[in-house]
């Protein structure tokens, strides 16, 4: 990836109709949408790249680069947040998810 720690490095747009979402964003903004298997498509924009993911409810999640995933997950909890998804390695990146004190979901990505 090559992003600096603390930078927004990714986004996920979630919804229950992957094809419809891909058509919407691809046509409206000229983004390139590439299917990468069931329920997942990569999105290339002129700026930040991300994904469209199939999920039962709509959401928009940003991914923030951290130098140490486990430390960031622990610090989020210490600061009043909660861990929504523990550290996982999906083969591309190591990531986890936290909720801030208001309940907003963030993906933490270790390069």
Protein backbone atom coordinates (compact mmCIF):
# COMPACT_ATOMS: atom_id res chain seq x y z
CA UNK A 1 0.00 0.00 0.00
CA UNK A 2 2.65 2.52 0.96
CA UNK A 3 0.56 4.83 3.15
CA UNK A 4 1.82 6.68 6.21
CA UNK A 5 0.49 5.63 9.62
CA UNK A 6 -2.71 7.51 10.43
CA UNK A 7 -3.63 8.00 6.75
CA UNK A 8 -6.95 6.89 5.35
CA UNK A 9 -5.86 4.04 3.11
CA UNK A 10 -9.07 2.30 2.02
CA UNK A 11 -12.86 2.46 2.05
CA UNK A 12 -15.64 -0.13 1.91
CA UNK A 13 -19.10 0.61 0.56
CA UNK A 14 -21.50 -2.11 1.71
CA UNK A 15 -24.97 -3.05 0.57
CA UNK A 16 -27.16 -5.94 -0.41
CA UNK A 17 -26.91 -5.53 -4.22
CA UNK A 18 -23.26 -5.57 -5.30
CA UNK A 19 -23.97 -5.22 -9.03
CA UNK A 20 -26.34 -2.31 -8.54
CA UNK A 21 -23.86 -0.51 -6.29
CA UNK A 22 -21.04 -1.08 -8.79
CA UNK A 23 -23.16 0.31 -11.61
CA UNK A 24 -24.14 3.33 -9.52
CA UNK A 25 -20.62 4.35 -8.50
CA UNK A 26 -19.01 3.37 -11.79
CA UNK A 27 -21.47 5.38 -13.87
CA UNK A 28 -21.90 8.36 -11.55
CA UNK A 29 -18.20 8.96 -10.83
CA UNK A 30 -16.40 7.03 -13.55
CA UNK A 31 -14.80 4.71 -11.00
CA UNK A 32 -13.44 1.37 -12.22
CA UNK A 33 -15.19 -1.56 -10.55
CA UNK A 34 -13.57 -5.02 -10.81
CA UNK A 35 -15.30 -8.10 -9.42
CA UNK A 36 -12.98 -10.19 -7.25
CA UNK A 37 -15.30 -13.04 -6.42
CA UNK A 38 -18.65 -13.47 -4.71
CA UNK A 39 -19.61 -10.47 -2.62
CA UNK A 40 -16.51 -8.35 -3.29
CA UNK A 41 -15.37 -5.88 -5.95
CA UNK A 42 -12.32 -3.63 -5.97
CA UNK A 43 -12.89 0.06 -6.70
CA UNK A 44 -10.31 2.32 -8.33
CA UNK A 45 -10.90 6.08 -8.07
CA UNK A 46 -8.68 9.00 -9.12
CA UNK A 47 -7.72 9.26 -5.44
CA UNK A 48 -8.26 6.59 -2.82
CA UNK A 49 -9.05 2.99 -3.79
CA UNK A 50 -11.52 0.80 -1.95
CA UNK A 51 -14.11 -1.92 -2.34
CA UNK A 52 -17.78 -2.63 -2.69
CA UNK A 53 -18.80 -5.48 -0.42
CA UNK A 54 -22.03 -7.42 -0.17
CA UNK A 55 -23.67 -7.04 3.23
CA UNK A 56 -27.25 -7.15 4.53
CA UNK A 57 -27.18 -3.48 5.57
CA UNK A 58 -25.77 -0.37 3.94
CA UNK A 59 -22.67 1.21 5.40
CA UNK A 60 -19.56 3.16 4.50
CA UNK A 61 -16.39 2.30 6.41
CA UNK A 62 -12.98 3.96 6.14
CA UNK A 63 -9.75 2.08 6.63
CA UNK A 64 -6.95 3.75 8.59
CA UNK A 65 -3.31 2.67 8.41
CA UNK A 66 -1.69 1.69 11.72
CA UNK A 67 1.88 0.54 12.36
CA UNK A 68 0.91 -2.10 14.97
CA UNK A 69 -2.56 -3.59 14.63
CA UNK A 70 -2.75 -5.32 18.02
CA UNK A 71 -1.54 -2.18 19.82
CA UNK A 72 -4.08 -0.02 17.97
CA UNK A 73 -6.95 -2.41 18.80
CA UNK A 74 -5.97 -2.34 22.47
CA UNK A 75 -5.59 1.44 22.48
CA UNK A 76 -9.03 1.89 20.87
CA UNK A 77 -10.56 -0.06 23.76
CA UNK A 78 -8.56 1.92 26.32
CA UNK A 79 -9.91 5.13 24.79
CA UNK A 80 -13.56 4.07 25.18
CA UNK A 81 -14.07 2.27 21.87
CA UNK A 82 -14.68 -1.42 21.30
CA UNK A 83 -13.21 -4.11 19.07
CA UNK A 84 -15.77 -5.15 16.46
CA UNK A 85 -13.46 -7.59 14.63
CA UNK A 86 -10.17 -8.89 16.04
CA UNK A 87 -7.01 -8.94 13.93
CA UNK A 88 -7.26 -11.12 10.81
CA UNK A 89 -5.02 -11.75 7.82
CA UNK A 90 -7.06 -11.95 4.63
CA UNK A 91 -4.04 -12.72 2.44
CA UNK A 92 -3.72 -9.12 1.24
CA UNK A 93 -3.50 -7.21 4.48
CA UNK A 94 -3.81 -7.63 8.23
CA UNK A 95 -6.83 -5.78 9.54
CA UNK A 96 -9.26 -5.44 12.40
CA UNK A 97 -12.26 -3.27 13.15
CA UNK A 98 -13.15 -1.00 16.04
CA UNK A 99 -16.12 1.13 16.98
CA UNK A 100 -15.42 4.60 18.28
CA UNK A 101 -17.22 5.78 21.47
CA UNK A 102 -20.19 6.91 19.34
CA UNK A 103 -20.45 3.54 17.58
CA UNK A 104 -18.90 4.44 14.21
CA UNK A 105 -17.06 1.51 12.59
CA UNK A 106 -13.44 1.90 11.49
CA UNK A 107 -11.17 -0.65 9.81
CA UNK A 108 -7.58 -0.60 11.06
CA UNK A 109 -5.05 -1.80 8.47
CA UNK A 110 -1.47 -2.81 9.20
CA UNK A 111 0.88 -2.61 6.23
